[in-house]
N, C-alpha and C. Protein backbone atom coordinates (compact mmCIF):
# COMPACT_ATOMS: atom_id res chain seq x y z
N MET A 1 32.52 -37.73 72.16
CA MET A 1 33.45 -38.52 71.39
C MET A 1 35.07 -38.36 72.28
N GLU A 2 35.41 -36.90 73.36
CA GLU A 2 35.62 -36.40 73.82
C GLU A 2 36.39 -37.12 74.19
N PRO A 3 35.33 -37.33 75.37
CA PRO A 3 35.64 -38.78 76.64
C PRO A 3 36.92 -40.35 76.39
N TRP A 4 36.77 -40.54 74.81
CA TRP A 4 36.94 -41.57 74.85
C TRP A 4 38.61 -40.88 74.28
N VAL A 5 38.41 -40.10 73.75
CA VAL A 5 39.90 -39.42 73.33
C VAL A 5 41.19 -39.27 75.18
N ALA A 6 39.83 -38.72 76.20
CA ALA A 6 40.94 -38.68 77.92
C ALA A 6 41.15 -40.71 78.12
N ALA A 7 40.25 -41.54 77.46
CA ALA A 7 40.12 -42.16 77.95
C ALA A 7 41.20 -43.25 77.42
N ILE A 8 41.76 -42.76 76.43
CA ILE A 8 43.06 -43.10 75.28
C ILE A 8 44.64 -42.57 75.93
N ALA A 9 44.49 -42.02 76.12
CA ALA A 9 46.05 -40.88 76.86
C ALA A 9 45.95 -41.38 77.80
N VAL A 10 45.16 -41.99 78.96
CA VAL A 10 45.16 -42.72 80.36
C VAL A 10 45.70 -43.62 79.77
N VAL A 11 44.70 -44.07 79.05
CA VAL A 11 45.62 -45.64 78.83
C VAL A 11 46.56 -45.93 78.24
N GLY A 12 46.53 -45.21 77.80
CA GLY A 12 48.24 -45.08 76.87
C GLY A 12 49.28 -45.13 77.75
N ARG A 13 49.55 -44.74 79.10
CA ARG A 13 50.47 -44.22 79.77
C ARG A 13 50.58 -45.37 80.58
N ALA A 14 49.78 -46.04 81.35
CA ALA A 14 49.26 -46.64 82.12
C ALA A 14 49.77 -48.17 81.64
N PRO A 15 50.54 -48.78 82.53
CA PRO A 15 51.28 -50.38 81.87
C PRO A 15 49.98 -51.51 81.50
N VAL A 16 50.28 -51.72 80.34
CA VAL A 16 48.93 -52.52 79.97
C VAL A 16 49.49 -54.50 80.21
N PRO A 17 48.92 -55.33 80.52
CA PRO A 17 49.95 -56.25 81.38
C PRO A 17 49.17 -56.82 79.42
N ALA A 18 50.23 -57.75 79.50
CA ALA A 18 50.29 -59.17 78.21
C ALA A 18 48.77 -59.60 77.54
N LEU A 19 48.42 -59.22 76.17
CA LEU A 19 47.39 -60.37 76.37
C LEU A 19 47.39 -61.11 75.07
N PRO A 20 46.76 -62.22 75.18
CA PRO A 20 47.47 -63.40 73.57
C PRO A 20 46.74 -62.44 73.04
N ALA A 21 47.18 -63.17 71.46
CA ALA A 21 46.67 -62.21 70.24
C ALA A 21 45.33 -61.79 70.23
N ARG A 22 44.65 -63.49 70.50
CA ARG A 22 43.30 -63.14 69.66
C ARG A 22 42.36 -62.70 70.71
N MET A 23 43.25 -61.51 72.45
CA MET A 23 42.35 -61.47 72.70
C MET A 23 42.50 -59.32 72.22
N GLN A 24 44.08 -59.20 72.09
CA GLN A 24 44.39 -58.02 71.28
C GLN A 24 43.18 -57.74 70.86
N LEU A 25 43.10 -59.01 69.92
CA LEU A 25 42.44 -58.90 68.15
C LEU A 25 41.39 -58.29 68.56
N VAL A 26 40.16 -58.66 69.33
CA VAL A 26 39.23 -58.51 70.23
C VAL A 26 38.89 -57.01 70.82
N ALA A 27 40.07 -56.86 71.27
CA ALA A 27 40.21 -55.52 71.65
C ALA A 27 40.31 -54.76 70.45
N ALA A 28 41.22 -54.71 69.81
CA ALA A 28 41.19 -53.72 68.88
C ALA A 28 39.81 -53.53 67.78
N GLY A 29 39.06 -54.62 67.50
CA GLY A 29 37.68 -54.71 67.03
C GLY A 29 36.89 -53.74 68.03
N GLY A 30 36.76 -53.93 69.89
CA GLY A 30 36.03 -53.47 69.88
C GLY A 30 36.60 -52.35 69.99
N ALA A 31 37.46 -51.16 69.81
CA ALA A 31 37.77 -50.04 69.87
C ALA A 31 37.43 -49.78 68.53
N LEU A 32 37.84 -50.33 67.53
CA LEU A 32 37.40 -49.37 66.36
C LEU A 32 35.90 -49.46 65.47
N LEU A 33 34.85 -50.24 66.50
CA LEU A 33 33.18 -50.20 66.34
C LEU A 33 33.23 -49.42 67.07
N GLN A 34 33.67 -49.17 68.37
CA GLN A 34 33.49 -47.80 69.18
C GLN A 34 33.69 -46.61 68.57
N ALA A 35 34.42 -46.54 68.12
CA ALA A 35 35.16 -45.32 67.14
C ALA A 35 34.09 -44.88 66.38
N LEU A 36 33.73 -46.17 65.62
CA LEU A 36 32.93 -45.97 64.51
C LEU A 36 31.75 -44.83 64.90
N TRP A 37 31.20 -45.58 65.80
CA TRP A 37 29.39 -45.76 66.86
C TRP A 37 29.91 -44.26 66.80
N SER A 38 30.85 -43.94 67.80
CA SER A 38 30.89 -42.19 67.91
C SER A 38 31.23 -41.09 67.32
N GLY A 39 31.35 -41.93 65.94
CA GLY A 39 31.24 -41.32 64.85
C GLY A 39 30.15 -40.64 63.98
N VAL A 40 29.61 -42.15 64.04
CA VAL A 40 28.45 -41.57 64.28
C VAL A 40 27.09 -41.44 64.70
N ALA A 41 26.95 -41.60 65.55
CA ALA A 41 26.16 -40.84 66.31
C ALA A 41 26.36 -39.10 65.94
N SER A 42 28.12 -38.99 66.50
CA SER A 42 28.41 -37.63 66.09
C SER A 42 28.07 -36.48 64.58
N VAL A 43 27.80 -37.76 63.84
CA VAL A 43 27.27 -37.44 62.13
C VAL A 43 26.17 -36.50 62.34
N ARG A 44 25.41 -37.81 62.67
CA ARG A 44 23.55 -37.16 62.78
C ARG A 44 23.47 -36.78 64.11
N SER A 45 23.92 -36.26 65.11
CA SER A 45 23.69 -35.84 65.59
C SER A 45 23.81 -33.88 64.76
N SER A 46 24.62 -33.71 63.92
CA SER A 46 24.51 -32.60 63.53
C SER A 46 23.45 -32.66 62.20
N TYR A 47 23.31 -33.67 61.88
CA TYR A 47 22.03 -33.71 60.77
C TYR A 47 21.33 -32.99 61.64
N GLU A 48 21.02 -33.88 62.65
CA GLU A 48 19.98 -33.19 63.17
C GLU A 48 19.95 -31.92 64.58
N GLN A 49 20.11 -31.59 63.97
CA GLN A 49 20.75 -30.45 64.51
C GLN A 49 20.77 -29.06 63.55
N ILE A 50 20.92 -29.37 62.24
CA ILE A 50 20.72 -28.52 60.97
C ILE A 50 19.15 -28.50 60.94
N ALA A 51 18.56 -30.14 61.03
CA ALA A 51 17.42 -29.49 60.53
C ALA A 51 16.25 -28.99 61.60
N LEU A 52 17.04 -28.84 62.69
CA LEU A 52 15.66 -28.16 64.17
C LEU A 52 16.02 -26.89 63.86
N GLU A 53 17.68 -26.90 63.46
CA GLU A 53 18.08 -25.06 63.72
C GLU A 53 17.27 -23.86 62.53
N VAL A 54 18.14 -24.97 61.49
CA VAL A 54 17.86 -23.49 60.62
C VAL A 54 16.31 -23.29 59.79
N PRO A 55 15.40 -24.03 59.53
CA PRO A 55 14.07 -24.09 59.68
C PRO A 55 13.46 -22.57 60.64
N ALA A 56 14.08 -23.32 62.04
CA ALA A 56 13.65 -22.04 62.64
C ALA A 56 14.14 -20.42 62.39
N HIS A 57 15.55 -20.94 62.27
CA HIS A 57 16.51 -19.08 61.18
C HIS A 57 15.77 -18.83 60.25
N ARG A 58 14.81 -19.41 59.47
CA ARG A 58 14.60 -19.11 58.21
C ARG A 58 13.47 -18.64 58.77
N THR A 59 12.37 -19.05 59.63
CA THR A 59 10.88 -18.53 60.41
C THR A 59 11.67 -17.27 60.84
N ALA A 60 12.35 -17.02 61.30
CA ALA A 60 12.73 -16.17 62.27
C ALA A 60 13.24 -15.06 61.55
N LEU A 61 14.25 -15.10 60.67
CA LEU A 61 14.74 -14.05 59.65
C LEU A 61 13.61 -13.34 58.47
N ALA A 62 12.69 -14.53 58.10
CA ALA A 62 11.48 -14.07 57.50
C ALA A 62 10.86 -13.40 57.78
N ARG A 63 10.34 -13.44 59.27
CA ARG A 63 9.43 -12.37 60.45
C ARG A 63 10.41 -11.12 60.59
N ALA A 64 11.86 -10.94 60.47
CA ALA A 64 11.56 -9.66 61.44
C ALA A 64 12.38 -9.61 59.70
N ARG A 65 12.98 -9.38 58.66
CA ARG A 65 12.29 -8.97 57.24
C ARG A 65 10.94 -8.37 57.36
N ALA A 66 10.08 -8.90 57.95
CA ALA A 66 8.74 -8.68 57.94
C ALA A 66 8.97 -6.88 58.82
N VAL A 67 8.95 -7.54 59.37
CA VAL A 67 8.60 -6.43 60.32
C VAL A 67 9.58 -5.14 60.53
N CYS A 68 11.06 -5.24 59.71
CA CYS A 68 11.34 -3.82 59.02
C CYS A 68 10.88 -3.50 57.90
N GLY A 69 10.74 -3.76 57.25
CA GLY A 69 9.51 -3.67 56.10
C GLY A 69 11.21 -4.28 55.19
N ALA A 70 12.01 -4.87 55.28
CA ALA A 70 12.77 -4.73 54.06
C ALA A 70 12.57 -5.63 53.48
N VAL A 71 13.32 -4.65 52.53
CA VAL A 71 13.15 -5.42 50.21
C VAL A 71 14.63 -6.11 50.12
N PRO A 72 14.34 -6.56 48.95
CA PRO A 72 16.09 -7.00 48.90
C PRO A 72 17.22 -6.36 48.92
N GLY A 73 18.09 -6.76 48.60
CA GLY A 73 19.32 -5.53 49.22
C GLY A 73 19.56 -5.42 50.50
N GLN A 74 18.52 -4.96 51.52
CA GLN A 74 18.82 -4.48 52.09
C GLN A 74 18.98 -5.66 53.16
N LEU A 75 19.58 -5.22 54.09
CA LEU A 75 20.18 -6.30 55.62
C LEU A 75 20.14 -6.22 56.84
N LEU A 76 20.19 -7.42 57.41
CA LEU A 76 19.72 -7.01 59.31
C LEU A 76 20.81 -7.42 60.01
N VAL A 77 20.77 -6.73 60.32
CA VAL A 77 22.19 -7.25 61.80
C VAL A 77 21.86 -8.47 62.75
N GLY A 78 22.57 -9.62 62.54
CA GLY A 78 22.21 -10.46 63.61
C GLY A 78 23.88 -10.72 64.46
N ASP A 79 22.76 -11.37 65.54
CA ASP A 79 24.22 -11.65 67.18
C ASP A 79 24.38 -13.64 66.01
N GLU A 80 23.66 -14.20 65.70
CA GLU A 80 24.17 -15.33 65.73
C GLU A 80 24.38 -15.83 64.37
N VAL A 81 25.37 -16.92 63.50
CA VAL A 81 26.29 -16.77 62.68
C VAL A 81 25.46 -17.72 62.22
N GLY A 82 24.43 -18.73 62.69
CA GLY A 82 23.50 -19.16 61.56
C GLY A 82 22.61 -18.26 60.33
N LEU A 83 22.09 -17.04 61.67
CA LEU A 83 21.20 -16.11 60.71
C LEU A 83 21.90 -15.08 59.50
N GLU A 84 23.16 -15.18 60.06
CA GLU A 84 24.21 -14.51 59.35
C GLU A 84 24.05 -15.17 57.82
N LEU A 85 24.97 -15.87 58.24
CA LEU A 85 24.91 -16.25 56.26
C LEU A 85 23.74 -16.95 55.56
N ALA A 86 22.45 -16.71 56.12
CA ALA A 86 21.35 -16.75 55.19
C ALA A 86 21.08 -15.07 55.09
N MET A 87 21.36 -14.54 55.76
CA MET A 87 20.58 -12.99 55.28
C MET A 87 21.15 -12.82 53.58
N ASP A 88 20.16 -12.91 52.50
CA ASP A 88 20.81 -12.33 51.62
C ASP A 88 21.56 -13.68 51.02
N GLY A 89 21.68 -14.34 51.46
CA GLY A 89 23.34 -15.02 51.21
C GLY A 89 24.46 -14.34 51.23
N ARG A 90 24.50 -13.35 51.59
CA ARG A 90 25.48 -12.51 52.43
C ARG A 90 25.82 -12.77 54.25
N ILE A 91 27.34 -12.02 54.23
CA ILE A 91 27.33 -12.05 55.63
C ILE A 91 27.66 -11.08 55.70
N LEU A 92 27.25 -10.25 56.82
CA LEU A 92 27.89 -8.88 57.16
C LEU A 92 29.32 -8.83 58.21
N THR A 93 29.03 -9.11 58.36
CA THR A 93 29.95 -10.39 59.79
C THR A 93 29.64 -11.45 60.87
N THR A 94 30.30 -11.90 61.26
CA THR A 94 30.19 -12.71 62.19
C THR A 94 30.63 -11.99 63.89
N PRO A 95 29.56 -11.76 64.68
CA PRO A 95 29.67 -11.19 65.80
C PRO A 95 31.13 -11.20 66.43
N PHE A 96 31.29 -12.52 66.73
CA PHE A 96 31.83 -13.19 68.38
C PHE A 96 33.30 -13.06 67.66
N GLN A 97 33.74 -13.30 66.35
CA GLN A 97 34.89 -13.66 65.97
C GLN A 97 35.22 -11.82 65.80
N MET A 98 34.53 -11.23 64.88
CA MET A 98 35.18 -9.83 64.75
C MET A 98 34.63 -9.20 66.22
N THR A 99 34.51 -9.10 67.19
CA THR A 99 34.75 -8.47 69.26
C THR A 99 35.72 -9.00 69.09
N HIS A 100 36.63 -10.29 69.16
CA HIS A 100 37.83 -10.81 69.36
C HIS A 100 38.85 -10.35 68.39
N LEU A 101 38.34 -10.10 67.80
CA LEU A 101 39.82 -8.51 66.44
C LEU A 101 39.51 -7.30 66.95
N VAL A 102 38.40 -6.88 67.22
CA VAL A 102 38.68 -5.61 67.83
C VAL A 102 39.72 -5.91 69.09
N ARG A 103 39.17 -6.63 69.74
CA ARG A 103 39.68 -6.73 71.16
C ARG A 103 40.94 -7.25 70.93
N ARG A 104 41.43 -7.52 70.20
CA ARG A 104 43.11 -7.81 69.69
C ARG A 104 43.75 -6.51 69.61
N GLY A 105 43.08 -5.92 69.03
CA GLY A 105 43.12 -4.20 68.19
C GLY A 105 43.75 -4.98 67.04
N LEU A 106 42.64 -5.82 65.87
CA LEU A 106 43.15 -6.06 64.25
C LEU A 106 42.39 -6.01 63.67
N PHE A 107 41.48 -5.24 64.44
CA PHE A 107 39.82 -5.12 63.71
C PHE A 107 39.55 -3.68 64.08
N PRO A 108 39.76 -2.55 63.57
CA PRO A 108 38.65 -1.11 63.86
C PRO A 108 37.67 -0.95 63.59
N VAL A 109 36.89 -0.91 65.63
CA VAL A 109 35.84 -0.92 65.56
C VAL A 109 34.62 0.42 64.84
N ASP A 110 35.25 0.96 64.78
CA ASP A 110 35.23 2.47 64.17
C ASP A 110 34.59 1.99 62.23
N ALA A 111 35.08 1.13 62.62
CA ALA A 111 34.61 0.51 60.46
C ALA A 111 33.46 -0.49 60.59
N TRP A 112 33.63 -0.94 61.91
CA TRP A 112 32.50 -2.20 62.30
C TRP A 112 30.95 -0.70 62.32
N ILE A 113 31.17 -0.40 63.22
CA ILE A 113 30.12 1.08 63.00
C ILE A 113 29.53 1.35 61.90
N ALA A 114 30.84 2.44 61.56
CA ALA A 114 30.60 2.98 60.33
C ALA A 114 29.08 1.69 59.77
N ASP A 115 29.54 0.61 58.93
CA ASP A 115 28.76 -0.92 58.56
C ASP A 115 27.41 -0.72 59.54
N VAL A 116 27.12 -0.83 60.91
CA VAL A 116 26.21 -1.32 60.64
C VAL A 116 25.64 0.31 60.72
N ARG A 117 25.74 1.64 60.22
CA ARG A 117 25.56 3.02 59.91
C ARG A 117 24.68 3.40 59.15
N ARG A 118 25.34 1.61 57.68
CA ARG A 118 24.83 2.52 56.41
C ARG A 118 23.48 2.16 56.25
N PRO A 119 22.80 2.91 54.88
CA PRO A 119 21.65 2.98 54.71
C PRO A 119 20.92 1.41 54.68
N GLU A 120 21.60 0.61 54.21
CA GLU A 120 21.01 -0.95 53.50
C GLU A 120 21.10 -1.60 55.34
N ILE A 121 21.42 -1.02 55.95
CA ILE A 121 20.86 -2.26 56.83
C ILE A 121 19.77 -1.17 58.34
N VAL A 122 18.61 -2.48 58.23
CA VAL A 122 17.18 -1.66 58.92
C VAL A 122 16.54 -2.44 59.60
N GLY A 123 18.24 -3.23 60.10
CA GLY A 123 17.43 -3.85 61.11
C GLY A 123 18.68 -5.04 62.41
N ALA A 124 18.36 -5.53 63.18
CA ALA A 124 18.88 -6.46 63.78
C ALA A 124 17.67 -7.36 64.21
N VAL A 125 18.30 -8.57 64.23
CA VAL A 125 18.10 -10.14 65.09
C VAL A 125 18.77 -10.38 65.77
N MET A 126 18.70 -10.52 67.39
CA MET A 126 18.98 -11.02 68.32
C MET A 126 18.70 -12.15 68.60
N GLU A 127 19.81 -13.17 68.97
CA GLU A 127 18.77 -14.00 70.11
C GLU A 127 19.17 -14.56 71.01
N ASP A 128 20.90 -14.06 71.82
CA ASP A 128 21.48 -13.62 72.90
C ASP A 128 21.88 -11.94 73.08
N ASP A 129 22.46 -11.05 72.51
CA ASP A 129 22.77 -10.05 72.56
C ASP A 129 22.27 -9.46 72.82
N LEU A 130 21.70 -9.22 73.19
CA LEU A 130 19.68 -8.01 73.50
C LEU A 130 20.44 -6.69 74.12
N LEU A 131 19.72 -5.82 73.00
CA LEU A 131 19.64 -4.80 72.99
C LEU A 131 19.88 -3.69 73.86
N GLU A 132 18.52 -4.69 74.49
CA GLU A 132 17.57 -3.37 76.08
C GLU A 132 18.44 -3.70 77.02
N ARG A 133 19.07 -4.92 77.04
CA ARG A 133 20.16 -5.23 78.15
C ARG A 133 20.73 -3.49 79.20
N PRO A 134 20.55 -3.03 79.74
CA PRO A 134 21.56 -2.07 80.81
C PRO A 134 23.33 -2.70 80.12
N LEU A 135 23.28 -1.36 79.93
CA LEU A 135 25.06 -1.24 79.90
C LEU A 135 26.35 -2.01 80.80
N ASP A 136 25.11 -1.57 81.67
CA ASP A 136 26.40 -1.44 83.00
C ASP A 136 26.25 -3.83 83.09
N GLN A 137 25.65 -3.67 82.44
CA GLN A 137 24.91 -5.79 82.88
C GLN A 137 25.96 -6.62 81.28
N ILE A 138 26.67 -5.51 80.69
CA ILE A 138 27.30 -6.40 79.91
C ILE A 138 29.02 -6.62 80.11
N ASP A 139 27.93 -8.17 79.64
CA ASP A 139 30.07 -9.20 80.17
C ASP A 139 30.36 -8.87 79.27
N VAL A 140 31.67 -8.44 78.92
CA VAL A 140 32.26 -7.86 77.72
C VAL A 140 33.12 -9.54 77.16
N GLU A 141 33.24 -10.28 77.88
CA GLU A 141 34.36 -11.22 77.90
C GLU A 141 32.94 -12.65 76.83
N HIS A 142 31.53 -12.23 77.65
CA HIS A 142 30.92 -13.05 76.69
C HIS A 142 30.15 -12.76 75.03
N ASP A 143 30.14 -10.80 75.81
CA ASP A 143 29.16 -10.98 74.37
C ASP A 143 29.31 -10.69 73.01
N ARG A 144 27.86 -10.49 72.73
CA ARG A 144 29.26 -10.72 71.24
C ARG A 144 29.63 -9.87 69.97
N PHE A 145 28.46 -8.29 71.20
CA PHE A 145 29.54 -7.25 70.74
C PHE A 145 29.98 -6.78 71.88
N PRO A 146 31.29 -5.59 70.82
CA PRO A 146 31.68 -4.71 71.69
C PRO A 146 31.21 -4.31 72.54
N PRO A 147 31.55 -2.80 73.45
CA PRO A 147 30.83 -1.33 74.60
C PRO A 147 30.14 -0.59 72.97
N ALA A 148 31.45 -0.29 72.84
CA ALA A 148 31.48 0.49 71.55
C ALA A 148 29.98 0.22 70.20
N LEU A 149 30.27 -0.18 69.96
CA LEU A 149 29.64 -1.11 69.36
C LEU A 149 27.99 -1.38 69.79
N ARG A 150 28.10 -1.97 70.87
CA ARG A 150 26.19 -2.00 71.21
C ARG A 150 25.98 -0.60 71.65
N SER A 151 26.71 -0.21 71.77
CA SER A 151 25.81 2.11 71.90
C SER A 151 25.74 1.99 70.33
N ALA A 152 26.20 1.79 69.85
CA ALA A 152 25.65 2.35 68.41
C ALA A 152 24.94 1.98 67.93
N LEU A 153 25.13 0.39 68.21
CA LEU A 153 23.18 -0.74 67.77
C LEU A 153 22.07 0.46 68.12
N ARG A 154 21.92 0.36 69.85
CA ARG A 154 21.00 0.93 70.78
C ARG A 154 20.73 2.02 70.04
N GLU A 155 21.67 3.15 69.59
CA GLU A 155 20.82 4.72 69.59
C GLU A 155 20.70 4.24 68.00
N ARG A 156 20.65 3.42 67.18
CA ARG A 156 20.40 3.04 65.51
C ARG A 156 18.75 2.85 65.79
N PHE A 157 18.78 1.57 66.06
CA PHE A 157 17.95 0.79 66.95
C PHE A 157 16.74 0.08 67.94
N THR A 158 15.78 0.15 67.75
CA THR A 158 14.73 -0.19 68.97
C THR A 158 14.15 -0.94 68.26
N LEU A 159 13.63 -1.92 69.60
CA LEU A 159 12.88 -2.92 70.21
C LEU A 159 11.50 -2.93 68.91
N ALA A 160 10.87 -3.72 68.22
CA ALA A 160 9.87 -3.98 67.32
C ALA A 160 9.18 -4.95 67.49
N GLU A 161 10.23 -6.42 68.16
CA GLU A 161 9.34 -7.86 68.30
C GLU A 161 10.39 -8.18 69.08
N ARG A 162 9.35 -8.81 70.43
CA ARG A 162 9.61 -10.21 70.55
C ARG A 162 9.02 -11.55 70.05
N ASN A 163 9.44 -12.56 69.31
CA ASN A 163 9.06 -13.31 69.17
C ASN A 163 9.80 -15.20 69.27
N GLY A 164 9.49 -15.14 70.78
CA GLY A 164 9.89 -16.70 71.56
C GLY A 164 11.42 -16.05 71.94
N GLU A 165 12.40 -16.27 70.93
CA GLU A 165 13.38 -16.37 72.33
C GLU A 165 14.44 -15.19 70.87
N TRP A 166 13.57 -14.60 70.10
CA TRP A 166 14.72 -13.84 69.43
C TRP A 166 13.74 -12.16 68.77
N ARG A 167 13.97 -11.04 68.90
CA ARG A 167 14.00 -10.37 69.35
C ARG A 167 14.72 -8.86 68.18
N THR A 168 13.24 -8.28 67.65
CA THR A 168 13.79 -8.53 66.29
C THR A 168 13.71 -6.46 66.40
N TYR A 169 14.52 -5.71 65.81
CA TYR A 169 15.38 -4.53 66.11
C TYR A 169 15.40 -4.21 64.94
N CYS A 170 14.46 -2.89 64.51
CA CYS A 170 14.14 -1.78 63.42
C CYS A 170 15.00 -0.42 63.50
N VAL A 171 14.89 -0.15 62.63
CA VAL A 171 15.63 1.27 62.20
C VAL A 171 14.53 2.34 63.39
N ARG A 172 15.34 3.67 63.92
CA ARG A 172 14.66 3.88 64.94
C ARG A 172 14.00 4.91 63.56
N ALA A 173 12.76 5.64 63.69
CA ALA A 173 12.56 6.60 63.67
C ALA A 173 12.76 8.18 63.01
N PRO A 174 13.29 8.90 62.52
CA PRO A 174 14.08 9.99 62.49
C PRO A 174 13.97 11.02 63.02
N SER A 175 12.97 10.70 64.16
CA SER A 175 12.61 12.47 64.89
C SER A 175 12.88 11.21 66.21
N ALA A 176 12.82 10.21 66.37
CA ALA A 176 13.22 9.32 67.69
C ALA A 176 15.17 8.80 67.36
N THR A 177 15.52 9.41 66.79
CA THR A 177 17.24 9.10 66.61
C THR A 177 17.20 10.31 68.16
N ARG A 178 18.58 9.56 68.61
CA ARG A 178 19.00 10.66 69.38
C ARG A 178 19.89 11.62 69.20
């Protein structure tokens, strides 16, 4: 729909020749039909995306919970908001937004680190912000976790499984903790 917004802005600035009333009515009707078509297409594509992603997220989350041995009441951290919303119906954090709050000094990273160290956090599911990536390859502008939190996650969790595009990390055994 965005190209139409640009087109309207350009056409709104351009001198428009006077059109007969009938042509104005046809043009207005065509614009209305195009707007309706674009709106329906946007809504439909949203529903189609949900139909594709939700089952995949549910499967990935169930698999990750099983790999980490999570029981009801235990949580996993995720780098993707769709997973976060599905975790026991609770939101632990929304990492991208929280990272921006940390960067702006509006939320203390130490409080976030304390949250992921809580005993009920037994694992992490990552799609993009993979913990095994070397710290020198972190892209602070685009990664979902700030460097201090990433270090805490790497210290607490170890890679347990690769499942397609998902990575599951579980709490390290006590003897493996650094």
